[in-house]
Amino acid sequence: MGFAEVLDQAFVMLHAGSAIHTFTMNAAASLGRHLDVRSQVRSVEAVCRMVGAGVGGGLVSRGAALQVAGLSEPPVLVDLDEPWAQRDLRICVRKGAVLSDFAVALVAHLRPGDGVVVR
């Protein structure tokens, strides 16, 4: 679904200054539109709960939405077919840093299959 298709809906957004808030406001502005922001909250869980209560639609990552516990119904997720909505994430560690066993395990979990372990 394209972003322009949902711009007539009310939105529940993460707080101003969050990456998703900045991206969506800029995306709407590039289309010459404004978002109808009904509410701004501080967590993905709050976005999902308010969307579930019918306050408006929300924009959050699929992974984050699926991890929200205790919802009466699982969220209905619709992928945005927009280049700005795709994330290319990186793992960053300080060069020469000695990582704890926990950090090594975390990096190994986040980088499955590439065989590279940062120590």
N, C-alpha and C. Protein backbone atom coordinates (compact mmCIF):
# COMPACT_ATOMS: atom_id res chain seq x y z
N MET A 1 0.85 -1.18 0.00
CA MET A 1 0.00 0.00 0.00
C MET A 1 0.89 1.24 0.00
N GLY A 2 0.50 2.23 -0.74
CA GLY A 2 1.24 3.47 -0.78
C GLY A 2 0.84 4.41 0.35
N PHE A 3 1.79 5.20 0.78
CA PHE A 3 1.56 6.13 1.89
C PHE A 3 0.44 7.11 1.55
N ALA A 4 0.40 7.58 0.32
CA ALA A 4 -0.63 8.54 -0.08
C ALA A 4 -2.05 7.99 0.12
N GLU A 5 -2.18 6.67 0.08
CA GLU A 5 -3.49 6.04 0.24
C GLU A 5 -4.04 6.13 1.66
N VAL A 6 -3.19 6.39 2.64
CA VAL A 6 -3.65 6.43 4.03
C VAL A 6 -3.64 7.83 4.64
N LEU A 7 -3.28 8.81 3.85
CA LEU A 7 -3.13 10.17 4.39
C LEU A 7 -4.43 10.83 4.82
N ASP A 8 -5.56 10.29 4.43
CA ASP A 8 -6.83 10.87 4.87
C ASP A 8 -7.28 10.31 6.22
N GLN A 9 -6.52 9.39 6.79
CA GLN A 9 -6.86 8.77 8.06
C GLN A 9 -6.21 9.55 9.22
N ALA A 10 -6.81 9.44 10.38
CA ALA A 10 -6.19 9.98 11.60
C ALA A 10 -5.07 9.04 12.02
N PHE A 11 -4.02 9.61 12.62
CA PHE A 11 -2.86 8.81 13.02
C PHE A 11 -2.58 8.91 14.51
N VAL A 12 -2.11 7.81 15.05
CA VAL A 12 -1.48 7.77 16.37
C VAL A 12 0.00 7.62 16.06
N MET A 13 0.80 8.56 16.53
CA MET A 13 2.22 8.58 16.18
C MET A 13 3.09 8.47 17.41
N LEU A 14 4.30 7.96 17.20
CA LEU A 14 5.31 8.09 18.23
C LEU A 14 5.65 9.57 18.36
N HIS A 15 6.23 9.94 19.46
CA HIS A 15 6.50 11.33 19.80
C HIS A 15 7.35 12.05 18.74
N ALA A 16 7.19 13.37 18.67
CA ALA A 16 8.00 14.19 17.78
C ALA A 16 9.46 13.98 18.14
N GLY A 17 10.29 13.84 17.15
CA GLY A 17 11.71 13.58 17.37
C GLY A 17 12.07 12.13 17.15
N SER A 18 11.09 11.22 17.19
CA SER A 18 11.38 9.81 16.89
C SER A 18 11.61 9.69 15.38
N ALA A 19 12.40 8.73 14.99
CA ALA A 19 12.74 8.56 13.57
C ALA A 19 11.49 8.36 12.72
N ILE A 20 10.57 7.53 13.17
CA ILE A 20 9.37 7.26 12.37
C ILE A 20 8.50 8.51 12.24
N HIS A 21 8.45 9.32 13.28
CA HIS A 21 7.68 10.56 13.22
C HIS A 21 8.29 11.50 12.18
N THR A 22 9.60 11.66 12.24
CA THR A 22 10.29 12.53 11.28
C THR A 22 10.11 12.03 9.85
N PHE A 23 10.30 10.73 9.64
CA PHE A 23 10.15 10.16 8.30
C PHE A 23 8.74 10.37 7.76
N THR A 24 7.73 10.10 8.58
CA THR A 24 6.36 10.20 8.07
C THR A 24 5.95 11.65 7.83
N MET A 25 6.35 12.56 8.70
CA MET A 25 6.04 13.96 8.47
C MET A 25 6.70 14.46 7.18
N ASN A 26 7.96 14.08 6.97
CA ASN A 26 8.66 14.48 5.74
C ASN A 26 8.04 13.84 4.51
N ALA A 27 7.63 12.59 4.63
CA ALA A 27 7.00 11.91 3.49
C ALA A 27 5.68 12.58 3.13
N ALA A 28 4.89 12.94 4.12
CA ALA A 28 3.62 13.63 3.85
C ALA A 28 3.89 14.99 3.22
N ALA A 29 4.88 15.72 3.75
CA ALA A 29 5.21 17.04 3.20
C ALA A 29 5.68 16.94 1.76
N SER A 30 6.42 15.88 1.43
CA SER A 30 6.90 15.73 0.05
C SER A 30 5.74 15.48 -0.92
N LEU A 31 4.62 15.02 -0.38
CA LEU A 31 3.41 14.83 -1.19
C LEU A 31 2.50 16.05 -1.14
N GLY A 32 2.96 17.11 -0.44
CA GLY A 32 2.15 18.31 -0.30
C GLY A 32 0.99 18.13 0.65
N ARG A 33 1.13 17.21 1.59
CA ARG A 33 0.04 16.89 2.52
C ARG A 33 0.51 17.03 3.96
N HIS A 34 -0.43 17.03 4.87
CA HIS A 34 -0.15 17.04 6.31
C HIS A 34 -0.82 15.82 6.92
N LEU A 35 -0.22 15.31 7.98
CA LEU A 35 -0.83 14.20 8.70
C LEU A 35 -1.85 14.73 9.70
N ASP A 36 -2.95 14.02 9.84
CA ASP A 36 -3.92 14.30 10.89
C ASP A 36 -3.47 13.49 12.10
N VAL A 37 -2.61 14.09 12.92
CA VAL A 37 -2.06 13.40 14.10
C VAL A 37 -3.03 13.61 15.25
N ARG A 38 -3.73 12.57 15.60
CA ARG A 38 -4.73 12.65 16.66
C ARG A 38 -4.07 12.54 18.03
N SER A 39 -2.97 11.77 18.10
CA SER A 39 -2.30 11.58 19.37
C SER A 39 -0.84 11.22 19.14
N GLN A 40 0.03 11.68 20.05
CA GLN A 40 1.44 11.30 20.05
C GLN A 40 1.75 10.61 21.36
N VAL A 41 2.41 9.46 21.27
CA VAL A 41 2.71 8.66 22.45
C VAL A 41 4.19 8.32 22.49
N ARG A 42 4.64 7.72 23.56
CA ARG A 42 6.07 7.49 23.76
C ARG A 42 6.52 6.06 23.50
N SER A 43 5.62 5.15 23.12
CA SER A 43 6.06 3.78 22.90
C SER A 43 5.25 3.11 21.80
N VAL A 44 5.85 2.10 21.20
CA VAL A 44 5.15 1.31 20.18
C VAL A 44 3.95 0.61 20.81
N GLU A 45 4.12 0.15 22.04
CA GLU A 45 3.00 -0.50 22.73
C GLU A 45 1.80 0.46 22.83
N ALA A 46 2.05 1.71 23.17
CA ALA A 46 0.97 2.69 23.28
C ALA A 46 0.33 2.94 21.92
N VAL A 47 1.14 3.02 20.86
CA VAL A 47 0.59 3.18 19.50
C VAL A 47 -0.36 2.02 19.21
N CYS A 48 0.10 0.78 19.43
CA CYS A 48 -0.70 -0.40 19.12
C CYS A 48 -1.99 -0.44 19.95
N ARG A 49 -1.90 -0.08 21.22
CA ARG A 49 -3.09 -0.10 22.07
C ARG A 49 -4.11 0.96 21.63
N MET A 50 -3.63 2.14 21.26
CA MET A 50 -4.55 3.20 20.83
C MET A 50 -5.15 2.89 19.46
N VAL A 51 -4.37 2.29 18.59
CA VAL A 51 -4.91 1.85 17.30
C VAL A 51 -5.99 0.80 17.54
N GLY A 52 -5.70 -0.15 18.43
CA GLY A 52 -6.68 -1.18 18.77
C GLY A 52 -7.96 -0.62 19.36
N ALA A 53 -7.85 0.52 20.03
CA ALA A 53 -9.03 1.17 20.62
C ALA A 53 -9.77 2.04 19.61
N GLY A 54 -9.26 2.12 18.39
CA GLY A 54 -9.95 2.87 17.35
C GLY A 54 -9.62 4.35 17.28
N VAL A 55 -8.54 4.77 17.93
CA VAL A 55 -8.17 6.19 17.93
C VAL A 55 -7.70 6.64 16.55
N GLY A 56 -7.02 5.77 15.84
CA GLY A 56 -6.52 6.08 14.50
C GLY A 56 -5.60 4.97 14.04
N GLY A 57 -4.98 5.17 12.90
CA GLY A 57 -3.99 4.22 12.41
C GLY A 57 -2.63 4.58 12.95
N GLY A 58 -1.68 3.69 12.82
CA GLY A 58 -0.35 3.96 13.31
C GLY A 58 0.71 3.42 12.38
N LEU A 59 1.91 3.98 12.47
CA LEU A 59 3.05 3.50 11.69
C LEU A 59 4.14 3.06 12.67
N VAL A 60 4.38 1.77 12.69
CA VAL A 60 5.44 1.19 13.52
C VAL A 60 6.06 0.05 12.72
N SER A 61 7.22 -0.40 13.16
CA SER A 61 7.83 -1.52 12.46
C SER A 61 7.04 -2.80 12.72
N ARG A 62 7.07 -3.69 11.73
CA ARG A 62 6.37 -4.97 11.85
C ARG A 62 6.86 -5.74 13.07
N GLY A 63 8.18 -5.83 13.21
CA GLY A 63 8.75 -6.58 14.32
C GLY A 63 8.31 -6.06 15.67
N ALA A 64 8.31 -4.74 15.81
CA ALA A 64 7.91 -4.14 17.09
C ALA A 64 6.43 -4.39 17.36
N ALA A 65 5.59 -4.26 16.36
CA ALA A 65 4.15 -4.46 16.55
C ALA A 65 3.85 -5.89 16.96
N LEU A 66 4.56 -6.85 16.40
CA LEU A 66 4.31 -8.25 16.72
C LEU A 66 4.79 -8.64 18.11
N GLN A 67 5.63 -7.81 18.72
CA GLN A 67 6.15 -8.12 20.04
C GLN A 67 5.32 -7.51 21.18
N VAL A 68 4.33 -6.71 20.85
CA VAL A 68 3.50 -6.09 21.89
C VAL A 68 2.63 -7.17 22.52
N ALA A 69 2.79 -7.36 23.80
CA ALA A 69 2.07 -8.41 24.52
C ALA A 69 0.76 -7.89 25.09
N GLY A 70 -0.16 -8.79 25.29
CA GLY A 70 -1.39 -8.47 26.00
C GLY A 70 -2.45 -7.75 25.18
N LEU A 71 -2.32 -7.71 23.87
CA LEU A 71 -3.37 -7.09 23.05
C LEU A 71 -4.55 -8.05 22.95
N SER A 72 -5.76 -7.52 22.96
CA SER A 72 -6.94 -8.38 22.86
C SER A 72 -7.00 -9.07 21.51
N GLU A 73 -6.49 -8.42 20.48
CA GLU A 73 -6.40 -9.00 19.14
C GLU A 73 -5.04 -8.65 18.56
N PRO A 74 -4.48 -9.55 17.75
CA PRO A 74 -3.22 -9.18 17.10
C PRO A 74 -3.47 -8.02 16.13
N PRO A 75 -2.48 -7.16 15.96
CA PRO A 75 -2.69 -6.02 15.06
C PRO A 75 -2.80 -6.47 13.61
N VAL A 76 -3.56 -5.71 12.84
CA VAL A 76 -3.61 -5.92 11.39
C VAL A 76 -2.47 -5.10 10.81
N LEU A 77 -1.55 -5.76 10.13
CA LEU A 77 -0.36 -5.09 9.61
C LEU A 77 -0.43 -5.00 8.10
N VAL A 78 -0.18 -3.82 7.59
CA VAL A 78 -0.17 -3.58 6.15
C VAL A 78 1.19 -2.98 5.81
N ASP A 79 1.91 -3.63 4.91
CA ASP A 79 3.22 -3.11 4.52
C ASP A 79 3.08 -1.87 3.65
N LEU A 80 3.91 -0.87 3.93
CA LEU A 80 3.96 0.32 3.08
C LEU A 80 4.92 0.04 1.94
N ASP A 81 4.49 0.30 0.74
CA ASP A 81 5.32 0.11 -0.44
C ASP A 81 5.99 1.44 -0.78
N GLU A 82 6.91 1.84 0.07
CA GLU A 82 7.61 3.11 -0.07
C GLU A 82 9.09 2.90 0.22
N PRO A 83 9.97 3.49 -0.59
CA PRO A 83 11.41 3.32 -0.33
C PRO A 83 11.82 3.82 1.06
N TRP A 84 11.24 4.91 1.54
CA TRP A 84 11.63 5.45 2.84
C TRP A 84 11.17 4.56 3.99
N ALA A 85 10.21 3.67 3.73
CA ALA A 85 9.70 2.80 4.79
C ALA A 85 10.56 1.55 4.97
N GLN A 86 11.51 1.32 4.09
CA GLN A 86 12.39 0.17 4.20
C GLN A 86 13.60 0.54 5.05
N ARG A 87 13.98 -0.33 5.94
CA ARG A 87 15.10 -0.06 6.84
C ARG A 87 16.30 -0.91 6.46
N ASP A 88 17.45 -0.30 6.47
CA ASP A 88 18.72 -0.99 6.26
C ASP A 88 19.53 -0.75 7.52
N LEU A 89 19.44 -1.70 8.46
CA LEU A 89 20.04 -1.51 9.77
C LEU A 89 21.44 -2.11 9.83
N ARG A 90 22.26 -1.53 10.66
CA ARG A 90 23.64 -1.97 10.85
C ARG A 90 23.90 -2.22 12.34
N ILE A 91 24.81 -3.12 12.60
CA ILE A 91 25.28 -3.35 13.96
C ILE A 91 26.56 -2.56 14.11
N CYS A 92 26.66 -1.77 15.15
CA CYS A 92 27.86 -0.94 15.37
C CYS A 92 28.51 -1.30 16.70
N VAL A 93 29.81 -1.48 16.66
CA VAL A 93 30.59 -1.65 17.88
C VAL A 93 31.85 -0.82 17.74
N ARG A 94 32.39 -0.40 18.86
CA ARG A 94 33.59 0.42 18.83
C ARG A 94 34.77 -0.43 18.36
N LYS A 95 35.56 0.12 17.44
CA LYS A 95 36.71 -0.59 16.90
C LYS A 95 37.68 -0.93 18.04
N GLY A 96 38.11 -2.18 18.07
CA GLY A 96 39.04 -2.63 19.09
C GLY A 96 38.41 -2.92 20.44
N ALA A 97 37.09 -2.77 20.53
CA ALA A 97 36.42 -3.01 21.81
C ALA A 97 36.41 -4.50 22.12
N VAL A 98 36.57 -4.83 23.37
CA VAL A 98 36.42 -6.20 23.83
C VAL A 98 34.98 -6.35 24.29
N LEU A 99 34.25 -7.21 23.62
CA LEU A 99 32.84 -7.37 23.93
C LEU A 99 32.65 -8.44 25.00
N SER A 100 31.65 -8.24 25.82
CA SER A 100 31.28 -9.25 26.81
C SER A 100 30.70 -10.46 26.08
N ASP A 101 30.62 -11.57 26.77
CA ASP A 101 30.04 -12.77 26.16
C ASP A 101 28.61 -12.50 25.71
N PHE A 102 27.87 -11.72 26.50
CA PHE A 102 26.50 -11.38 26.13
C PHE A 102 26.47 -10.60 24.81
N ALA A 103 27.35 -9.61 24.68
CA ALA A 103 27.39 -8.79 23.46
C ALA A 103 27.79 -9.63 22.26
N VAL A 104 28.75 -10.54 22.43
CA VAL A 104 29.14 -11.44 21.34
C VAL A 104 27.96 -12.29 20.91
N ALA A 105 27.21 -12.81 21.88
CA ALA A 105 26.03 -13.63 21.57
C ALA A 105 24.96 -12.81 20.86
N LEU A 106 24.78 -11.57 21.29
CA LEU A 106 23.79 -10.70 20.64
C LEU A 106 24.18 -10.44 19.19
N VAL A 107 25.41 -10.09 18.95
CA VAL A 107 25.87 -9.83 17.57
C VAL A 107 25.72 -11.09 16.73
N ALA A 108 26.08 -12.25 17.28
CA ALA A 108 25.94 -13.51 16.54
C ALA A 108 24.47 -13.78 16.21
N HIS A 109 23.57 -13.47 17.13
CA HIS A 109 22.14 -13.65 16.89
C HIS A 109 21.63 -12.71 15.79
N LEU A 110 22.12 -11.48 15.79
CA LEU A 110 21.66 -10.49 14.82
C LEU A 110 22.27 -10.69 13.44
N ARG A 111 23.37 -11.44 13.38
CA ARG A 111 24.06 -11.68 12.11
C ARG A 111 24.07 -13.16 11.78
N PRO A 112 22.93 -13.82 11.69
CA PRO A 112 22.93 -15.25 11.46
C PRO A 112 23.47 -15.60 10.08
N GLY A 113 24.26 -16.66 10.05
CA GLY A 113 24.70 -17.20 8.77
C GLY A 113 25.91 -16.58 8.12
N ASP A 114 26.40 -15.44 8.62
CA ASP A 114 27.54 -14.84 7.93
C ASP A 114 28.88 -15.30 8.50
N GLY A 115 28.85 -16.01 9.63
CA GLY A 115 30.06 -16.57 10.20
C GLY A 115 31.01 -15.57 10.81
N VAL A 116 30.68 -14.29 10.83
CA VAL A 116 31.56 -13.28 11.38
C VAL A 116 31.18 -13.04 12.84
N VAL A 117 32.12 -13.18 13.72
CA VAL A 117 31.89 -12.91 15.14
C VAL A 117 32.86 -11.81 15.56
N VAL A 118 32.32 -10.77 16.14
CA VAL A 118 33.14 -9.66 16.61
C VAL A 118 33.55 -9.94 18.03
N ARG A 119 34.84 -9.90 18.33
CA ARG A 119 35.34 -10.11 19.70
C ARG A 119 36.19 -8.95 20.09
